[in-house]
Amino acid sequence: MRERVLAVVGAVCLVALALVARSALSGDDNGSDGNGGGGGRGDRPVVACVSDLAEVCRALADRGAIAADPPTLDLDEAAAPDEKIDAWITWDPAPGIANIDGPETWGEPQVLGGGALTILSNRGDLATLRSGCGAALTWACVADTPKSGLAVGVGDGQSAESLARFYPVAASLVPAGEDFTSLTSTQLRAVVDSPANGQDRLKAQVKTLLTAPGSLNVVVGPRPGLEAALRTPRGQAMVTSAPTPTGDSMTAVIVSRVDTDGSRSDGSESKGLKASAVLGVDEASQALRAAGVEPGTGSLAPPDRAGELYAVRKKVG
């Protein structure tokens, strides 16, 4: 009996010692669990997401691919992000736009998912659009719709998501032989101010188009997300169309932080994350689909697009 009691006590002691050792190795007693709390970074990168892609970050954190409690980082703070952030999941070309105000903040983006930019509308509003276009539906016609009293959903012209959606509309307003600096605030604001209730994010605008007829007439967005709306009961009265010129896409990307000296002021090293690691998490791919893009597809915008959309953002703001 005495030997059995001693064996049990010994086993309990071994378990206690193992727990103490594990705590010391993981840094549990100083808050360094890799989630950014208490200034600790752990072994996992701190990855921020724009608000409308936050579910992608949550999925990665839940699977342990990135640090827990991922922060939100939108374009208005991306030129001077928190030092703990290693990478950013956003919409192309937001990293390039941020780099104009904060040179060498972000490196080369990697594609996570994308979809060709198109429009969603009901059939009656599409007929109105086409009536002013002649033989082909063009982005210039979409830009002109406010003159017909139609409301266009493109976002506020300030966020990464909105600028990615806004590009073909803004480009159609640039006179031949001119560049984006020739655009006027009046031209751009006519589109942004066309909805009586203001602009919103893509998912909210698709819902408004489906459930509140007349509040919006046209929504610009990536084809996979807009076509998903057609498969809903209310979406059966809607149609997607691809104005010309075609070829522009809305692409979600991940981009790593650039460290000029290879380390941070707290002594830690920057950690990046490959696109393949994001796409290797099924829940993250599902979140990308929910955001309206197809994982593993899409393309990066030409280098000059960041400057063009920087000009649009300044004029709309």
C-alpha atoms as a PDB file:
ATOM      1  CA  MET A   1       0.000   0.000   0.000  1.00  0.00           C
ATOM      2  CA  ARG A   2       2.805   2.408   0.947  1.00  0.00           C
ATOM      3  CA  GLU A   3       4.562   1.712  -2.364  1.00  0.00           C
ATOM      4  CA  ARG A   4       1.339   2.456  -4.288  1.00  0.00           C
ATOM      5  CA  VAL A   5       0.868   5.811  -2.537  1.00  0.00           C
ATOM      6  CA  LEU A   6       4.480   6.783  -3.261  1.00  0.00           C
ATOM      7  CA  ALA A   7       3.998   5.886  -6.945  1.00  0.00           C
ATOM      8  CA  VAL A   8       0.905   8.091  -7.202  1.00  0.00           C
ATOM      9  CA  VAL A   9       2.687  11.015  -5.485  1.00  0.00           C
ATOM     10  CA  GLY A  10       5.655  10.589  -7.803  1.00  0.00           C
ATOM     11  CA  ALA A  11       3.419  10.658 -10.867  1.00  0.00           C
ATOM     12  CA  VAL A  12       1.704  13.844  -9.673  1.00  0.00           C
ATOM     13  CA  CYS A  13       5.080  15.505  -9.130  1.00  0.00           C
ATOM     14  CA  LEU A  14       6.229  14.570 -12.636  1.00  0.00           C
ATOM     15  CA  VAL A  15       3.078  16.083 -14.163  1.00  0.00           C
ATOM     16  CA  ALA A  16       3.537  19.282 -12.137  1.00  0.00           C
ATOM     17  CA  LEU A  17       7.186  19.583 -13.214  1.00  0.00           C
ATOM     18  CA  ALA A  18       6.192  19.083 -16.861  1.00  0.00           C
ATOM     19  CA  LEU A  19       3.587  21.842 -16.654  1.00  0.00           C
ATOM     20  CA  VAL A  20       6.102  24.251 -15.076  1.00  0.00           C
ATOM     21  CA  ALA A  21       8.664  23.476 -17.782  1.00  0.00           C
ATOM     22  CA  ARG A  22       6.094  23.959 -20.546  1.00  0.00           C
ATOM     23  CA  SER A  23       5.033  27.301 -19.085  1.00  0.00           C
ATOM     24  CA  ALA A  24       8.621  28.509 -18.915  1.00  0.00           C
ATOM     25  CA  LEU A  25       9.388  27.452 -22.485  1.00  0.00           C
ATOM     26  CA  SER A  26       6.255  29.026 -23.976  1.00  0.00           C
ATOM     27  CA  GLY A  27       6.579  32.217 -21.984  1.00  0.00           C
ATOM     28  CA  ASP A  28       3.108  31.805 -20.406  1.00  0.00           C
ATOM     29  CA  ASP A  29       4.186  33.520 -17.199  1.00  0.00           C
ATOM     30  CA  ASN A  30       5.185  36.753 -19.006  1.00  0.00           C
ATOM     31  CA  GLY A  31       2.370  36.927 -21.555  1.00  0.00           C
ATOM     32  CA  SER A  32       4.522  36.063 -24.594  1.00  0.00           C
ATOM     33  CA  ASP A  33       2.144  33.611 -26.234  1.00  0.00           C
ATOM     34  CA  GLY A  34       2.548  34.917 -29.773  1.00  0.00           C
ATOM     35  CA  ASN A  35      -0.707  36.862 -29.830  1.00  0.00           C
ATOM     36  CA  GLY A  36       0.797  40.300 -29.454  1.00  0.00           C
ATOM     37  CA  GLY A  37      -0.450  40.627 -25.872  1.00  0.00           C
ATOM     38  CA  GLY A  38       2.037  42.035 -23.383  1.00  0.00           C
ATOM     39  CA  GLY A  39       4.403  42.824 -26.245  1.00  0.00           C
ATOM     40  CA  GLY A  40       5.132  39.132 -26.894  1.00  0.00           C
ATOM     41  CA  ARG A  41       5.412  37.807 -30.444  1.00  0.00           C
ATOM     42  CA  GLY A  42       6.020  34.076 -30.011  1.00  0.00           C
ATOM     43  CA  ASP A  43       6.799  31.924 -33.057  1.00  0.00           C
ATOM     44  CA  ARG A  44       3.872  33.039 -35.183  1.00  0.00           C
ATOM     45  CA  PRO A  45       3.706  36.181 -37.356  1.00  0.00           C
ATOM     46  CA  VAL A  46       1.381  39.027 -36.441  1.00  0.00           C
ATOM     47  CA  VAL A  47      -0.832  39.462 -39.497  1.00  0.00           C
ATOM     48  CA  ALA A  48      -3.326  42.312 -39.818  1.00  0.00           C
ATOM     49  CA  CYS A  49      -6.343  42.386 -42.130  1.00  0.00           C
ATOM     50  CA  VAL A  50      -8.451  45.159 -43.578  1.00  0.00           C
ATOM     51  CA  SER A  51     -11.894  45.191 -41.956  1.00  0.00           C
ATOM     52  CA  ASP A  52     -13.716  43.455 -44.818  1.00  0.00           C
ATOM     53  CA  LEU A  53     -11.164  40.586 -44.841  1.00  0.00           C
ATOM     54  CA  ALA A  54     -11.056  40.185 -41.063  1.00  0.00           C
ATOM     55  CA  GLU A  55     -12.591  36.704 -41.283  1.00  0.00           C
ATOM     56  CA  VAL A  56      -9.534  35.530 -43.219  1.00  0.00           C
ATOM     57  CA  CYS A  57      -7.290  36.584 -40.335  1.00  0.00           C
ATOM     58  CA  ARG A  58      -9.609  34.999 -37.766  1.00  0.00           C
ATOM     59  CA  ALA A  59      -9.535  31.701 -39.647  1.00  0.00           C
ATOM     60  CA  LEU A  60      -5.726  31.737 -39.740  1.00  0.00           C
ATOM     61  CA  ALA A  61      -5.495  32.603 -36.054  1.00  0.00           C
ATOM     62  CA  ASP A  62      -7.954  29.858 -35.088  1.00  0.00           C
ATOM     63  CA  ARG A  63      -5.760  27.324 -36.873  1.00  0.00           C
ATOM     64  CA  GLY A  64      -2.574  28.669 -35.262  1.00  0.00           C
ATOM     65  CA  ALA A  65      -1.075  29.836 -38.575  1.00  0.00           C
ATOM     66  CA  ILE A  66      -0.697  33.386 -37.243  1.00  0.00           C
ATOM     67  CA  ALA A  67      -0.661  35.040 -33.829  1.00  0.00           C
ATOM     68  CA  ALA A  68      -3.970  35.144 -31.992  1.00  0.00           C
ATOM     69  CA  ASP A  69      -6.144  38.267 -31.854  1.00  0.00           C
ATOM     70  CA  PRO A  70      -5.041  39.613 -35.262  1.00  0.00           C
ATOM     71  CA  PRO A  71      -5.327  43.403 -35.490  1.00  0.00           C
ATOM     72  CA  THR A  72      -7.329  45.326 -38.053  1.00  0.00           C
ATOM     73  CA  LEU A  73      -5.354  47.579 -40.385  1.00  0.00           C
ATOM     74  CA  ASP A  74      -7.105  49.769 -42.920  1.00  0.00           C
ATOM     75  CA  LEU A  75      -5.558  51.966 -45.579  1.00  0.00           C
ATOM     76  CA  ASP A  76      -5.729  55.145 -43.530  1.00  0.00           C
ATOM     77  CA  GLU A  77      -3.127  53.746 -41.082  1.00  0.00           C
ATOM     78  CA  ALA A  78      -1.129  51.522 -43.425  1.00  0.00           C
ATOM     79  CA  ALA A  79       1.635  54.056 -44.162  1.00  0.00           C
ATOM     80  CA  ALA A  80       2.668  53.978 -40.482  1.00  0.00           C
ATOM     81  CA  PRO A  81       1.442  50.638 -39.073  1.00  0.00           C
ATOM     82  CA  ASP A  82       2.020  49.383 -35.558  1.00  0.00           C
ATOM     83  CA  GLU A  83       5.537  48.028 -35.243  1.00  0.00           C
ATOM     84  CA  LYS A  84       4.369  44.581 -34.124  1.00  0.00           C
ATOM     85  CA  ILE A  85       2.648  43.887 -37.479  1.00  0.00           C
ATOM     86  CA  ASP A  86       4.594  41.517 -39.749  1.00  0.00           C
ATOM     87  CA  ALA A  87       2.203  41.214 -42.688  1.00  0.00           C
ATOM     88  CA  TRP A  88      -1.027  42.636 -44.068  1.00  0.00           C
ATOM     89  CA  ILE A  89      -3.946  41.009 -45.882  1.00  0.00           C
ATOM     90  CA  THR A  90      -5.640  43.636 -48.028  1.00  0.00           C
ATOM     91  CA  TRP A  91      -6.749  44.532 -51.542  1.00  0.00           C
ATOM     92  CA  ASP A  92      -4.309  45.290 -54.330  1.00  0.00           C
ATOM     93  CA  PRO A  93      -2.882  47.935 -54.866  1.00  0.00           C
ATOM     94  CA  ALA A  94      -3.335  49.231 -51.299  1.00  0.00           C
ATOM     95  CA  PRO A  95       0.263  48.353 -50.271  1.00  0.00           C
ATOM     96  CA  GLY A  96       1.593  50.500 -53.105  1.00  0.00           C
ATOM     97  CA  ILE A  97      -0.744  53.350 -52.160  1.00  0.00           C
ATOM     98  CA  ALA A  98       0.496  53.180 -48.554  1.00  0.00           C
ATOM     99  CA  ASN A  99       4.106  53.143 -49.754  1.00  0.00           C
ATOM    100  CA  ILE A 100       3.629  56.535 -51.392  1.00  0.00           C
ATOM    101  CA  ASP A 101       3.143  58.130 -47.964  1.00  0.00           C
ATOM    102  CA  GLY A 102       5.400  55.638 -46.139  1.00  0.00           C
ATOM    103  CA  PRO A 103       8.173  54.574 -48.533  1.00  0.00           C
ATOM    104  CA  GLU A 104       9.491  51.016 -48.129  1.00  0.00           C
ATOM    105  CA  THR A 105       6.832  50.057 -45.596  1.00  0.00           C
ATOM    106  CA  TRP A 106       5.506  47.048 -47.537  1.00  0.00           C
ATOM    107  CA  GLY A 107       7.188  44.566 -49.873  1.00  0.00           C
ATOM    108  CA  GLU A 108       5.897  42.783 -52.962  1.00  0.00           C
ATOM    109  CA  PRO A 109       2.294  41.530 -52.626  1.00  0.00           C
ATOM    110  CA  GLN A 110       1.352  37.889 -53.159  1.00  0.00           C
ATOM    111  CA  VAL A 111      -2.010  36.981 -54.683  1.00  0.00           C
ATOM    112  CA  LEU A 112      -4.572  35.241 -52.460  1.00  0.00           C
ATOM    113  CA  GLY A 113      -7.671  35.373 -54.642  1.00  0.00           C
ATOM    114  CA  GLY A 114      -9.449  37.513 -57.157  1.00  0.00           C
ATOM    115  CA  GLY A 115     -12.250  38.041 -59.605  1.00  0.00           C
ATOM    116  CA  ALA A 116     -12.880  40.117 -62.721  1.00  0.00           C
ATOM    117  CA  LEU A 117     -14.635  43.402 -61.953  1.00  0.00           C
ATOM    118  CA  THR A 118     -18.208  43.488 -63.185  1.00  0.00           C
ATOM    119  CA  ILE A 119     -21.569  44.954 -62.202  1.00  0.00           C
ATOM    120  CA  LEU A 120     -24.728  43.618 -60.583  1.00  0.00           C
ATOM    121  CA  SER A 121     -28.108  45.212 -61.316  1.00  0.00           C
ATOM    122  CA  ASN A 122     -31.726  44.345 -61.958  1.00  0.00           C
ATOM    123  CA  ARG A 123     -32.793  43.889 -65.563  1.00  0.00           C
ATOM    124  CA  GLY A 124     -34.691  47.176 -65.749  1.00  0.00           C
ATOM    125  CA  ASP A 125     -31.750  49.247 -64.573  1.00  0.00           C
ATOM    126  CA  LEU A 126     -29.455  47.361 -66.937  1.00  0.00           C
ATOM    127  CA  ALA A 127     -31.750  48.331 -69.807  1.00  0.00           C
ATOM    128  CA  THR A 128     -31.482  51.981 -68.704  1.00  0.00           C
ATOM    129  CA  LEU A 129     -27.712  51.672 -68.637  1.00  0.00           C
ATOM    130  CA  ARG A 130     -27.577  50.137 -72.076  1.00  0.00           C
ATOM    131  CA  SER A 131     -29.902  52.761 -73.566  1.00  0.00           C
ATOM    132  CA  GLY A 132     -27.179  55.371 -73.168  1.00  0.00           C
ATOM    133  CA  CYS A 133     -24.328  53.169 -74.316  1.00  0.00           C
ATOM    134  CA  GLY A 134     -25.013  52.355 -77.911  1.00  0.00           C
ATOM    135  CA  ALA A 135     -23.821  48.943 -79.047  1.00  0.00           C
ATOM    136  CA  ALA A 136     -21.706  48.037 -75.992  1.00  0.00           C
ATOM    137  CA  LEU A 137     -22.029  48.499 -72.242  1.00  0.00           C
ATOM    138  CA  THR A 138     -18.987  50.478 -71.097  1.00  0.00           C
ATOM    139  CA  TRP A 139     -17.529  51.619 -67.792  1.00  0.00           C
ATOM    140  CA  ALA A 140     -18.049  55.183 -69.033  1.00  0.00           C
ATOM    141  CA  CYS A 141     -21.800  54.450 -69.067  1.00  0.00           C
ATOM    142  CA  VAL A 142     -21.579  53.216 -65.471  1.00  0.00           C
ATOM    143  CA  ALA A 143     -19.761  56.419 -64.510  1.00  0.00           C
ATOM    144  CA  ASP A 144     -22.523  58.427 -66.220  1.00  0.00           C
ATOM    145  CA  THR A 145     -25.434  56.732 -64.447  1.00  0.00           C
ATOM    146  CA  PRO A 146     -25.819  59.421 -61.747  1.00  0.00           C
ATOM    147  CA  LYS A 147     -26.937  61.786 -64.542  1.00  0.00           C
ATOM    148  CA  SER A 148     -29.842  59.392 -65.119  1.00  0.00           C
ATOM    149  CA  GLY A 149     -30.737  59.345 -61.436  1.00  0.00           C
ATOM    150  CA  LEU A 150     -29.271  55.886 -60.852  1.00  0.00           C
ATOM    151  CA  ALA A 151     -27.162  55.125 -57.782  1.00  0.00           C
ATOM    152  CA  VAL A 152     -23.833  53.324 -58.199  1.00  0.00           C
ATOM    153  CA  GLY A 153     -22.243  51.262 -55.397  1.00  0.00           C
ATOM    154  CA  VAL A 154     -18.441  51.615 -55.469  1.00  0.00           C
ATOM    155  CA  GLY A 155     -17.605  52.394 -51.833  1.00  0.00           C
ATOM    156  CA  ASP A 156     -16.365  55.679 -50.385  1.00  0.00           C
ATOM    157  CA  GLY A 157     -13.231  56.055 -52.508  1.00  0.00           C
ATOM    158  CA  GLN A 158     -11.019  55.937 -49.404  1.00  0.00           C
ATOM    159  CA  SER A 159     -10.722  52.289 -48.353  1.00  0.00           C
ATOM    160  CA  ALA A 160      -8.604  49.597 -49.985  1.00  0.00           C
ATOM    161  CA  GLU A 161     -11.750  47.708 -50.991  1.00  0.00           C
ATOM    162  CA  SER A 162     -13.442  50.733 -52.513  1.00  0.00           C
ATOM    163  CA  LEU A 163     -10.406  51.844 -54.522  1.00  0.00           C
ATOM    164  CA  ALA A 164     -10.038  48.359 -56.009  1.00  0.00           C
ATOM    165  CA  ARG A 165     -13.710  48.479 -57.081  1.00  0.00           C
ATOM    166  CA  PHE A 166     -13.577  52.101 -58.215  1.00  0.00           C
ATOM    167  CA  TYR A 167     -10.667  51.773 -60.648  1.00  0.00           C
ATOM    168  CA  PRO A 168     -12.452  51.000 -63.971  1.00  0.00           C
ATOM    169  CA  VAL A 169     -15.103  53.637 -63.264  1.00  0.00           C
ATOM    170  CA  ALA A 170     -12.487  56.319 -62.536  1.00  0.00           C
ATOM    171  CA  ALA A 171     -10.342  55.241 -65.501  1.00  0.00           C
ATOM    172  CA  SER A 172     -13.301  55.716 -67.842  1.00  0.00           C
ATOM    173  CA  LEU A 173     -13.487  59.384 -66.828  1.00  0.00           C
ATOM    174  CA  VAL A 174      -9.867  60.158 -67.772  1.00  0.00           C
ATOM    175  CA  PRO A 175      -9.792  62.135 -71.047  1.00  0.00           C
ATOM    176  CA  ALA A 176      -7.813  60.653 -73.936  1.00  0.00           C
ATOM    177  CA  GLY A 177      -4.157  61.563 -73.700  1.00  0.00           C
ATOM    178  CA  GLU A 178      -4.467  62.667 -70.051  1.00  0.00           C
ATOM    179  CA  ASP A 179      -3.717  60.908 -66.748  1.00  0.00           C
ATOM    180  CA  PHE A 180      -5.559  60.506 -63.451  1.00  0.00           C
ATOM    181  CA  THR A 181      -4.407  63.899 -62.168  1.00  0.00           C
ATOM    182  CA  SER A 182      -6.737  65.462 -64.761  1.00  0.00           C
ATOM    183  CA  LEU A 183      -9.795  64.046 -62.975  1.00  0.00           C
ATOM    184  CA  THR A 184     -11.805  66.511 -60.935  1.00  0.00           C
ATOM    185  CA  SER A 185     -13.366  66.012 -57.528  1.00  0.00           C
ATOM    186  CA  THR A 186     -16.721  66.922 -59.089  1.00  0.00           C
ATOM    187  CA  GLN A 187     -16.535  64.034 -61.571  1.00  0.00           C
ATOM    188  CA  LEU A 188     -15.577  61.472 -58.946  1.00  0.00           C
ATOM    189  CA  ARG A 189     -17.925  62.710 -56.252  1.00  0.00           C
ATOM    190  CA  ALA A 190     -20.866  62.513 -58.648  1.00  0.00           C
ATOM    191  CA  VAL A 191     -20.416  58.733 -58.566  1.00  0.00           C
ATOM    192  CA  VAL A 192     -19.580  58.432 -54.861  1.00  0.00           C
ATOM    193  CA  ASP A 193     -22.486  60.653 -53.812  1.00  0.00           C
ATOM    194  CA  SER A 194     -25.066  58.971 -56.069  1.00  0.00           C
ATOM    195  CA  PRO A 195     -26.646  56.696 -53.384  1.00  0.00           C
ATOM    196  CA  ALA A 196     -28.999  58.757 -51.201  1.00  0.00           C
ATOM    197  CA  ASN A 197     -28.001  56.748 -48.128  1.00  0.00           C
ATOM    198  CA  GLY A 198     -24.266  56.942 -48.818  1.00  0.00           C
ATOM    199  CA  GLN A 199     -21.734  54.339 -49.842  1.00  0.00           C
ATOM    200  CA  ASP A 200     -20.915  51.132 -47.954  1.00  0.00           C
ATOM    201  CA  ARG A 201     -18.813  47.988 -48.240  1.00  0.00           C
ATOM    202  CA  LEU A 202     -19.425  45.481 -50.996  1.00  0.00           C
ATOM    203  CA  LYS A 203     -21.339  42.840 -49.001  1.00  0.00           C
ATOM    204  CA  ALA A 204     -23.637  45.459 -47.499  1.00  0.00           C
ATOM    205  CA  GLN A 205     -24.309  47.000 -50.906  1.00  0.00           C
ATOM    206  CA  VAL A 206     -25.174  43.645 -52.471  1.00  0.00           C
ATOM    207  CA  LYS A 207     -27.650  43.082 -49.636  1.00  0.00           C
ATOM    208  CA  THR A 208     -29.137  46.547 -50.158  1.00  0.00           C
ATOM    209  CA  LEU A 209     -29.524  45.944 -53.889  1.00  0.00           C
ATOM    210  CA  LEU A 210     -31.356  42.677 -53.194  1.00  0.00           C
ATOM    211  CA  THR A 211     -33.568  43.824 -50.326  1.00  0.00           C
ATOM    212  CA  ALA A 212     -34.157  47.560 -50.789  1.00  0.00           C
ATOM    213  CA  PRO A 213     -35.078  48.213 -54.443  1.00  0.00           C
ATOM    214  CA  GLY A 214     -34.320  51.760 -55.532  1.00  0.00           C
ATOM    215  CA  SER A 215     -31.710  52.470 -52.864  1.00  0.00           C
ATOM    216  CA  LEU A 216     -29.022  51.202 -55.231  1.00  0.00           C
ATOM    217  CA  ASN A 217     -29.233  50.439 -58.934  1.00  0.00           C
ATOM    218  CA  VAL A 218     -25.744  49.173 -59.790  1.00  0.00           C
ATOM    219  CA  VAL A 219     -23.055  47.530 -57.629  1.00  0.00           C
ATOM    220  CA  VAL A 220     -19.470  47.183 -58.838  1.00  0.00           C
ATOM    221  CA  GLY A 221     -17.540  44.175 -57.537  1.00  0.00           C
ATOM    222  CA  PRO A 222     -15.710  40.919 -58.345  1.00  0.00           C
ATOM    223  CA  ARG A 223     -17.625  38.482 -60.507  1.00  0.00           C
ATOM    224  CA  PRO A 224     -17.502  35.442 -58.121  1.00  0.00           C
ATOM    225  CA  GLY A 225     -19.164  37.400 -55.316  1.00  0.00           C
ATOM    226  CA  LEU A 226     -21.766  39.047 -57.520  1.00  0.00           C
ATOM    227  CA  GLU A 227     -22.654  35.781 -59.228  1.00  0.00           C
ATOM    228  CA  ALA A 228     -23.143  34.176 -55.814  1.00  0.00           C
ATOM    229  CA  ALA A 229     -25.868  36.754 -55.185  1.00  0.00           C
ATOM    230  CA  LEU A 230     -27.725  35.519 -58.285  1.00  0.00           C
ATOM    231  CA  ARG A 231     -28.150  32.126 -56.646  1.00  0.00           C
ATOM    232  CA  THR A 232     -30.189  33.569 -53.763  1.00  0.00           C
ATOM    233  CA  PRO A 233     -34.007  33.764 -53.983  1.00  0.00           C
ATOM    234  CA  ARG A 234     -34.002  37.567 -54.320  1.00  0.00           C
ATOM    235  CA  GLY A 235     -31.104  37.445 -56.755  1.00  0.00           C
ATOM    236  CA  GLN A 236     -33.131  35.703 -59.450  1.00  0.00           C
ATOM    237  CA  ALA A 237     -34.317  39.104 -60.677  1.00  0.00           C
ATOM    238  CA  MET A 238     -30.718  40.346 -60.979  1.00  0.00           C
ATOM    239  CA  VAL A 239     -28.081  40.009 -63.661  1.00  0.00           C
ATOM    240  CA  THR A 240     -24.314  40.484 -63.858  1.00  0.00           C
ATOM    241  CA  SER A 241     -22.692  42.263 -66.794  1.00  0.00           C
ATOM    242  CA  ALA A 242     -19.090  42.937 -67.794  1.00  0.00           C
ATOM    243  CA  PRO A 243     -18.659  46.487 -69.103  1.00  0.00           C
ATOM    244  CA  THR A 244     -15.848  47.169 -71.556  1.00  0.00           C
ATOM    245  CA  PRO A 245     -12.935  47.473 -71.472  1.00  0.00           C
ATOM    246  CA  THR A 246     -12.623  44.211 -69.523  1.00  0.00           C
ATOM    247  CA  GLY A 247      -9.560  42.838 -67.771  1.00  0.00           C
ATOM    248  CA  ASP A 248      -9.506  44.692 -64.463  1.00  0.00           C
ATOM    249  CA  SER A 249      -9.823  42.517 -61.375  1.00  0.00           C
ATOM    250  CA  MET A 250     -10.287  42.882 -57.652  1.00  0.00           C
ATOM    251  CA  THR A 251      -7.518  40.922 -55.960  1.00  0.00           C
ATOM    252  CA  ALA A 252      -6.908  40.082 -52.316  1.00  0.00           C
ATOM    253  CA  VAL A 253      -3.209  39.969 -51.416  1.00  0.00           C
ATOM    254  CA  ILE A 254      -0.858  39.374 -48.542  1.00  0.00           C
ATOM    255  CA  VAL A 255       2.192  41.588 -48.206  1.00  0.00           C
ATOM    256  CA  SER A 256       5.068  41.444 -45.715  1.00  0.00           C
ATOM    257  CA  ARG A 257       6.447  44.341 -43.739  1.00  0.00           C
ATOM    258  CA  VAL A 258       9.785  45.728 -44.900  1.00  0.00           C
ATOM    259  CA  ASP A 259      12.425  46.242 -42.201  1.00  0.00           C
ATOM    260  CA  THR A 260      15.283  48.432 -43.313  1.00  0.00           C
ATOM    261  CA  ASP A 261      17.644  47.004 -40.686  1.00  0.00           C
ATOM    262  CA  GLY A 262      16.164  43.481 -40.457  1.00  0.00           C
ATOM    263  CA  SER A 263      14.864  43.858 -36.916  1.00  0.00           C
ATOM    264  CA  ARG A 264      12.449  45.808 -34.743  1.00  0.00           C
ATOM    265  CA  SER A 265      13.204  48.200 -31.915  1.00  0.00           C
ATOM    266  CA  ASP A 266      12.091  45.540 -29.431  1.00  0.00           C
ATOM    267  CA  GLY A 267      14.843  43.242 -30.710  1.00  0.00           C
ATOM    268  CA  SER A 268      12.495  40.852 -32.525  1.00  0.00           C
ATOM    269  CA  GLU A 269      12.822  39.919 -36.172  1.00  0.00           C
ATOM    270  CA  SER A 270      10.125  40.495 -38.754  1.00  0.00           C
ATOM    271  CA  LYS A 271       8.163  37.398 -39.787  1.00  0.00           C
ATOM    272  CA  GLY A 272       6.431  37.118 -43.140  1.00  0.00           C
ATOM    273  CA  LEU A 273       3.767  34.690 -44.327  1.00  0.00           C
ATOM    274  CA  LYS A 274       3.532  33.068 -47.749  1.00  0.00           C
ATOM    275  CA  ALA A 275       0.327  33.080 -49.767  1.00  0.00           C
ATOM    276  CA  SER A 276       0.544  29.280 -49.890  1.00  0.00           C
ATOM    277  CA  ALA A 277       0.340  29.144 -46.083  1.00  0.00           C
ATOM    278  CA  VAL A 278      -2.863  31.205 -46.153  1.00  0.00           C
ATOM    279  CA  LEU A 279      -4.445  29.161 -48.938  1.00  0.00           C
ATOM    280  CA  GLY A 280      -3.438  25.960 -47.155  1.00  0.00           C
ATOM    281  CA  VAL A 281      -6.009  26.738 -44.450  1.00  0.00           C
ATOM    282  CA  ASP A 282      -9.428  25.685 -45.746  1.00  0.00           C
ATOM    283  CA  GLU A 283     -11.276  28.100 -43.489  1.00  0.00           C
ATOM    284  CA  ALA A 284      -9.212  31.006 -44.831  1.00  0.00           C
ATOM    285  CA  SER A 285     -10.101  30.044 -48.398  1.00  0.00           C
ATOM    286  CA  GLN A 286     -13.755  29.891 -47.400  1.00  0.00           C
ATOM    287  CA  ALA A 287     -13.465  33.388 -45.927  1.00  0.00           C
ATOM    288  CA  LEU A 288     -11.981  34.657 -49.198  1.00  0.00           C
ATOM    289  CA  ARG A 289     -14.943  33.188 -51.089  1.00  0.00           C
ATOM    290  CA  ALA A 290     -17.316  34.860 -48.631  1.00  0.00           C
ATOM    291  CA  ALA A 291     -15.535  38.155 -49.424  1.00  0.00           C
ATOM    292  CA  GLY A 292     -16.385  37.628 -53.088  1.00  0.00           C
ATOM    293  CA  VAL A 293     -13.189  36.305 -54.668  1.00  0.00           C
ATOM    294  CA  GLU A 294     -11.983  32.901 -55.826  1.00  0.00           C
ATOM    295  CA  PRO A 295      -8.937  31.655 -53.842  1.00  0.00           C
ATOM    296  CA  GLY A 296      -5.782  31.070 -55.866  1.00  0.00           C
ATOM    297  CA  THR A 297      -6.888  33.276 -58.780  1.00  0.00           C
ATOM    298  CA  GLY A 298      -6.434  36.925 -59.649  1.00  0.00           C
ATOM    299  CA  SER A 299      -3.541  39.081 -60.768  1.00  0.00           C
ATOM    300  CA  LEU A 300      -1.560  42.029 -59.462  1.00  0.00           C
ATOM    301  CA  ALA A 301      -2.296  45.459 -60.876  1.00  0.00           C
ATOM    302  CA  PRO A 302       0.338  47.263 -62.947  1.00  0.00           C
ATOM    303  CA  PRO A 303       2.817  49.274 -60.829  1.00  0.00           C
ATOM    304  CA  ASP A 304       1.393  52.643 -61.892  1.00  0.00           C
ATOM    305  CA  ARG A 305      -2.090  51.848 -60.572  1.00  0.00           C
ATOM    306  CA  ALA A 306      -1.111  52.696 -57.006  1.00  0.00           C
ATOM    307  CA  GLY A 307      -0.289  56.253 -58.063  1.00  0.00           C
ATOM    308  CA  GLU A 308      -3.486  56.535 -60.095  1.00  0.00           C
ATOM    309  CA  LEU A 309      -5.681  55.432 -57.213  1.00  0.00           C
ATOM    310  CA  TYR A 310      -3.688  57.597 -54.791  1.00  0.00           C
ATOM    311  CA  ALA A 311      -4.810  60.552 -56.929  1.00  0.00           C
ATOM    312  CA  VAL A 312      -8.427  59.325 -56.885  1.00  0.00           C
ATOM    313  CA  ARG A 313      -8.369  58.940 -53.103  1.00  0.00           C
ATOM    314  CA  LYS A 314      -7.031  62.466 -52.621  1.00  0.00           C
ATOM    315  CA  LYS A 315      -9.617  64.011 -54.943  1.00  0.00           C
ATOM    316  CA  VAL A 316     -12.567  62.122 -53.434  1.00  0.00           C
ATOM    317  CA  GLY A 317     -11.395  62.861 -49.887  1.00  0.00           C
END
